[in-house]
Amino acid sequence: MFFATIKRALLDTTAWPSRAAAHTAIFGFIEGWYNLHRLRSGLGYRSPADYETALAA
């Protein structure tokens, strides 16, 4: 599922000028979106952002 998501969202849509640029974009996608919004079973099928919001309320 992870590789399909990153391929569809990032890699299929852009031609990268260098390997370093692709690496930076992939890292940004993983840390900036995927890790924050992916649903996790350990959090009751909520994203970490939703879980932290619920804890703060």
PDB file of N, CA and C in Angstrom:
ATOM      1  N   MET A   1       0.819  -1.193   0.000  1.00  0.00           N
ATOM      2  CA  MET A   1       0.000   0.000   0.000  1.00  0.00           C
ATOM      3  C   MET A   1       0.867   1.264   0.000  1.00  0.00           C
ATOM      4  N   PHE A   2       1.934   1.269   0.785  1.00  0.00           N
ATOM      5  CA  PHE A   2       2.787   2.450   0.863  1.00  0.00           C
ATOM      6  C   PHE A   2       3.373   2.815  -0.496  1.00  0.00           C
ATOM      7  N   PHE A   3       3.950   1.830  -1.176  1.00  0.00           N
ATOM      8  CA  PHE A   3       4.604   2.120  -2.447  1.00  0.00           C
ATOM      9  C   PHE A   3       3.605   2.558  -3.511  1.00  0.00           C
ATOM     10  N   ALA A   4       2.420   2.009  -3.495  1.00  0.00           N
ATOM     11  CA  ALA A   4       1.387   2.446  -4.437  1.00  0.00           C
ATOM     12  C   ALA A   4       0.985   3.889  -4.155  1.00  0.00           C
ATOM     13  N   THR A   5       0.874   4.240  -2.890  1.00  0.00           N
ATOM     14  CA  THR A   5       0.495   5.599  -2.512  1.00  0.00           C
ATOM     15  C   THR A   5       1.544   6.601  -2.949  1.00  0.00           C
ATOM     16  N   ILE A   6       2.799   6.329  -2.647  1.00  0.00           N
ATOM     17  CA  ILE A   6       3.851   7.287  -2.998  1.00  0.00           C
ATOM     18  C   ILE A   6       4.032   7.365  -4.508  1.00  0.00           C
ATOM     19  N   LYS A   7       3.875   6.256  -5.188  1.00  0.00           N
ATOM     20  CA  LYS A   7       4.010   6.263  -6.642  1.00  0.00           C
ATOM     21  C   LYS A   7       2.898   7.076  -7.284  1.00  0.00           C
ATOM     22  N   ARG A   8       1.681   6.872  -6.843  1.00  0.00           N
ATOM     23  CA  ARG A   8       0.535   7.579  -7.414  1.00  0.00           C
ATOM     24  C   ARG A   8       0.589   9.074  -7.078  1.00  0.00           C
ATOM     25  N   ALA A   9       0.928   9.411  -5.858  1.00  0.00           N
ATOM     26  CA  ALA A   9       0.867  10.796  -5.411  1.00  0.00           C
ATOM     27  C   ALA A   9       2.073  11.632  -5.821  1.00  0.00           C
ATOM     28  N   LEU A  10       3.213  10.990  -6.005  1.00  0.00           N
ATOM     29  CA  LEU A  10       4.426  11.782  -6.170  1.00  0.00           C
ATOM     30  C   LEU A  10       5.243  11.400  -7.398  1.00  0.00           C
ATOM     31  N   LEU A  11       5.531  10.152  -7.557  1.00  0.00           N
ATOM     32  CA  LEU A  11       6.498   9.751  -8.564  1.00  0.00           C
ATOM     33  C   LEU A  11       5.950   9.729  -9.983  1.00  0.00           C
ATOM     34  N   ASP A  12       4.679   9.394 -10.160  1.00  0.00           N
ATOM     35  CA  ASP A  12       4.105   9.338 -11.504  1.00  0.00           C
ATOM     36  C   ASP A  12       3.786  10.710 -12.076  1.00  0.00           C
ATOM     37  N   THR A  13       3.798  11.734 -11.252  1.00  0.00           N
ATOM     38  CA  THR A  13       3.349  13.049 -11.698  1.00  0.00           C
ATOM     39  C   THR A  13       4.478  14.012 -12.039  1.00  0.00           C
ATOM     40  N   THR A  14       5.724  13.668 -11.744  1.00  0.00           N
ATOM     41  CA  THR A  14       6.821  14.612 -11.891  1.00  0.00           C
ATOM     42  C   THR A  14       8.045  13.945 -12.504  1.00  0.00           C
ATOM     43  N   ALA A  15       8.726  14.669 -13.355  1.00  0.00           N
ATOM     44  CA  ALA A  15      10.033  14.236 -13.849  1.00  0.00           C
ATOM     45  C   ALA A  15      11.081  14.947 -12.999  1.00  0.00           C
ATOM     46  N   TRP A  16      11.939  14.214 -12.360  1.00  0.00           N
ATOM     47  CA  TRP A  16      12.906  14.783 -11.420  1.00  0.00           C
ATOM     48  C   TRP A  16      14.212  15.110 -12.131  1.00  0.00           C
ATOM     49  N   PRO A  17      14.764  16.302 -11.900  1.00  0.00           N
ATOM     50  CA  PRO A  17      16.004  16.695 -12.567  1.00  0.00           C
ATOM     51  C   PRO A  17      17.233  15.943 -12.065  1.00  0.00           C
ATOM     52  N   SER A  18      17.162  15.458 -10.828  1.00  0.00           N
ATOM     53  CA  SER A  18      18.300  14.727 -10.270  1.00  0.00           C
ATOM     54  C   SER A  18      17.805  13.742  -9.221  1.00  0.00           C
ATOM     55  N   ARG A  19      18.668  12.813  -8.889  1.00  0.00           N
ATOM     56  CA  ARG A  19      18.348  11.836  -7.853  1.00  0.00           C
ATOM     57  C   ARG A  19      18.186  12.522  -6.495  1.00  0.00           C
ATOM     58  N   ALA A  20      18.993  13.523  -6.240  1.00  0.00           N
ATOM     59  CA  ALA A  20      18.911  14.254  -4.971  1.00  0.00           C
ATOM     60  C   ALA A  20      17.571  14.978  -4.839  1.00  0.00           C
ATOM     61  N   ALA A  21      17.075  15.551  -5.916  1.00  0.00           N
ATOM     62  CA  ALA A  21      15.775  16.233  -5.879  1.00  0.00           C
ATOM     63  C   ALA A  21      14.656  15.238  -5.599  1.00  0.00           C
ATOM     64  N   ALA A  22      14.723  14.065  -6.222  1.00  0.00           N
ATOM     65  CA  ALA A  22      13.716  13.031  -5.968  1.00  0.00           C
ATOM     66  C   ALA A  22      13.790  12.564  -4.523  1.00  0.00           C
ATOM     67  N   HIS A  23      14.990  12.383  -4.009  1.00  0.00           N
ATOM     68  CA  HIS A  23      15.176  11.951  -2.618  1.00  0.00           C
ATOM     69  C   HIS A  23      14.563  12.960  -1.656  1.00  0.00           C
ATOM     70  N   THR A  24      14.811  14.228  -1.892  1.00  0.00           N
ATOM     71  CA  THR A  24      14.270  15.283  -1.032  1.00  0.00           C
ATOM     72  C   THR A  24      12.744  15.303  -1.079  1.00  0.00           C
ATOM     73  N   ALA A  25      12.177  15.154  -2.264  1.00  0.00           N
ATOM     74  CA  ALA A  25      10.722  15.149  -2.405  1.00  0.00           C
ATOM     75  C   ALA A  25      10.094  13.946  -1.721  1.00  0.00           C
ATOM     76  N   ILE A  26      10.710  12.784  -1.861  1.00  0.00           N
ATOM     77  CA  ILE A  26      10.188  11.574  -1.217  1.00  0.00           C
ATOM     78  C   ILE A  26      10.255  11.708   0.292  1.00  0.00           C
ATOM     79  N   PHE A  27      11.370  12.192   0.811  1.00  0.00           N
ATOM     80  CA  PHE A  27      11.505  12.397   2.251  1.00  0.00           C
ATOM     81  C   PHE A  27      10.449  13.379   2.765  1.00  0.00           C
ATOM     82  N   GLY A  28      10.253  14.466   2.036  1.00  0.00           N
ATOM     83  CA  GLY A  28       9.237  15.449   2.432  1.00  0.00           C
ATOM     84  C   GLY A  28       7.839  14.859   2.434  1.00  0.00           C
ATOM     85  N   PHE A  29       7.537  14.020   1.442  1.00  0.00           N
ATOM     86  CA  PHE A  29       6.223  13.376   1.381  1.00  0.00           C
ATOM     87  C   PHE A  29       6.011  12.453   2.580  1.00  0.00           C
ATOM     88  N   ILE A  30       7.008  11.655   2.895  1.00  0.00           N
ATOM     89  CA  ILE A  30       6.875  10.700   3.989  1.00  0.00           C
ATOM     90  C   ILE A  30       6.744  11.418   5.323  1.00  0.00           C
ATOM     91  N   GLU A  31       7.625  12.354   5.595  1.00  0.00           N
ATOM     92  CA  GLU A  31       7.609  13.041   6.883  1.00  0.00           C
ATOM     93  C   GLU A  31       6.522  14.099   6.997  1.00  0.00           C
ATOM     94  N   GLY A  32       6.188  14.735   5.893  1.00  0.00           N
ATOM     95  CA  GLY A  32       5.246  15.841   5.939  1.00  0.00           C
ATOM     96  C   GLY A  32       3.794  15.461   5.766  1.00  0.00           C
ATOM     97  N   TRP A  33       3.527  14.364   5.076  1.00  0.00           N
ATOM     98  CA  TRP A  33       2.132  13.983   4.868  1.00  0.00           C
ATOM     99  C   TRP A  33       1.850  12.559   5.326  1.00  0.00           C
ATOM    100  N   TYR A  34       2.565  11.600   4.801  1.00  0.00           N
ATOM    101  CA  TYR A  34       2.228  10.191   5.015  1.00  0.00           C
ATOM    102  C   TYR A  34       2.245   9.809   6.491  1.00  0.00           C
ATOM    103  N   ASN A  35       3.285  10.161   7.212  1.00  0.00           N
ATOM    104  CA  ASN A  35       3.373   9.778   8.615  1.00  0.00           C
ATOM    105  C   ASN A  35       2.354  10.499   9.491  1.00  0.00           C
ATOM    106  N   LEU A  36       1.892  11.658   9.061  1.00  0.00           N
ATOM    107  CA  LEU A  36       0.919  12.408   9.858  1.00  0.00           C
ATOM    108  C   LEU A  36      -0.526  12.028   9.579  1.00  0.00           C
ATOM    109  N   HIS A  37      -0.825  11.567   8.365  1.00  0.00           N
ATOM    110  CA  HIS A  37      -2.214  11.357   7.965  1.00  0.00           C
ATOM    111  C   HIS A  37      -2.623   9.904   7.769  1.00  0.00           C
ATOM    112  N   ARG A  38      -1.666   8.995   7.740  1.00  0.00           N
ATOM    113  CA  ARG A  38      -2.006   7.585   7.546  1.00  0.00           C
ATOM    114  C   ARG A  38      -2.725   7.056   8.779  1.00  0.00           C
ATOM    115  N   LEU A  39      -3.787   6.296   8.561  1.00  0.00           N
ATOM    116  CA  LEU A  39      -4.544   5.726   9.677  1.00  0.00           C
ATOM    117  C   LEU A  39      -3.747   4.594  10.302  1.00  0.00           C
ATOM    118  N   ARG A  40      -3.784   4.520  11.627  1.00  0.00           N
ATOM    119  CA  ARG A  40      -3.043   3.498  12.356  1.00  0.00           C
ATOM    120  C   ARG A  40      -3.988   2.718  13.259  1.00  0.00           C
ATOM    121  N   SER A  41      -3.880   1.400  13.210  1.00  0.00           N
ATOM    122  CA  SER A  41      -4.763   0.553  14.010  1.00  0.00           C
ATOM    123  C   SER A  41      -4.513   0.744  15.503  1.00  0.00           C
ATOM    124  N   GLY A  42      -3.284   1.011  15.891  1.00  0.00           N
ATOM    125  CA  GLY A  42      -2.967   1.217  17.304  1.00  0.00           C
ATOM    126  C   GLY A  42      -3.588   2.474  17.888  1.00  0.00           C
ATOM    127  N   LEU A  43      -4.031   3.371  17.040  1.00  0.00           N
ATOM    128  CA  LEU A  43      -4.673   4.608  17.489  1.00  0.00           C
ATOM    129  C   LEU A  43      -6.172   4.585  17.217  1.00  0.00           C
ATOM    130  N   GLY A  44      -6.718   3.391  17.062  1.00  0.00           N
ATOM    131  CA  GLY A  44      -8.151   3.264  16.805  1.00  0.00           C
ATOM    132  C   GLY A  44      -8.520   3.673  15.394  1.00  0.00           C
ATOM    133  N   TYR A  45      -7.653   3.393  14.441  1.00  0.00           N
ATOM    134  CA  TYR A  45      -7.848   3.736  13.034  1.00  0.00           C
ATOM    135  C   TYR A  45      -8.055   5.233  12.839  1.00  0.00           C
ATOM    136  N   ARG A  46      -7.237   5.984  13.547  1.00  0.00           N
ATOM    137  CA  ARG A  46      -7.183   7.433  13.382  1.00  0.00           C
ATOM    138  C   ARG A  46      -5.764   7.810  12.991  1.00  0.00           C
ATOM    139  N   SER A  47      -5.613   8.970  12.400  1.00  0.00           N
ATOM    140  CA  SER A  47      -4.285   9.465  12.069  1.00  0.00           C
ATOM    141  C   SER A  47      -3.649  10.038  13.336  1.00  0.00           C
ATOM    142  N   PRO A  48      -2.332  10.127  13.383  1.00  0.00           N
ATOM    143  CA  PRO A  48      -1.695  10.739  14.550  1.00  0.00           C
ATOM    144  C   PRO A  48      -2.173  12.164  14.797  1.00  0.00           C
ATOM    145  N   ALA A  49      -2.420  12.928  13.734  1.00  0.00           N
ATOM    146  CA  ALA A  49      -2.904  14.299  13.902  1.00  0.00           C
ATOM    147  C   ALA A  49      -4.288  14.296  14.556  1.00  0.00           C
ATOM    148  N   ASP A  50      -5.184  13.439  14.107  1.00  0.00           N
ATOM    149  CA  ASP A  50      -6.532  13.347  14.722  1.00  0.00           C
ATOM    150  C   ASP A  50      -6.453  12.860  16.156  1.00  0.00           C
ATOM    151  N   TYR A  51      -5.588  11.912  16.419  1.00  0.00           N
ATOM    152  CA  TYR A  51      -5.437  11.347  17.753  1.00  0.00           C
ATOM    153  C   TYR A  51      -4.939  12.432  18.729  1.00  0.00           C
ATOM    154  N   GLU A  52      -3.940  13.187  18.319  1.00  0.00           N
ATOM    155  CA  GLU A  52      -3.419  14.244  19.191  1.00  0.00           C
ATOM    156  C   GLU A  52      -4.440  15.347  19.415  1.00  0.00           C
ATOM    157  N   THR A  53      -5.230  15.653  18.391  1.00  0.00           N
ATOM    158  CA  THR A  53      -6.290  16.650  18.544  1.00  0.00           C
ATOM    159  C   THR A  53      -7.328  16.179  19.557  1.00  0.00           C
ATOM    160  N   ALA A  54      -7.687  14.897  19.496  1.00  0.00           N
ATOM    161  CA  ALA A  54      -8.667  14.349  20.436  1.00  0.00           C
ATOM    162  C   ALA A  54      -8.119  14.336  21.859  1.00  0.00           C
ATOM    163  N   LEU A  55      -6.832  14.074  22.029  1.00  0.00           N
ATOM    164  CA  LEU A  55      -6.231  14.083  23.361  1.00  0.00           C
ATOM    165  C   LEU A  55      -6.183  15.480  23.955  1.00  0.00           C
ATOM    166  N   ALA A  56      -5.949  16.472  23.118  1.00  0.00           N
ATOM    167  CA  ALA A  56      -5.851  17.844  23.588  1.00  0.00           C
ATOM    168  C   ALA A  56      -7.201  18.426  23.979  1.00  0.00           C
ATOM    169  N   ALA A  57      -8.278  17.881  23.429  1.00  0.00           N
ATOM    170  CA  ALA A  57      -9.615  18.439  23.698  1.00  0.00           C
ATOM    171  C   ALA A  57     -10.152  18.015  25.037  1.00  0.00           C
TER     172      ALA A  57
END
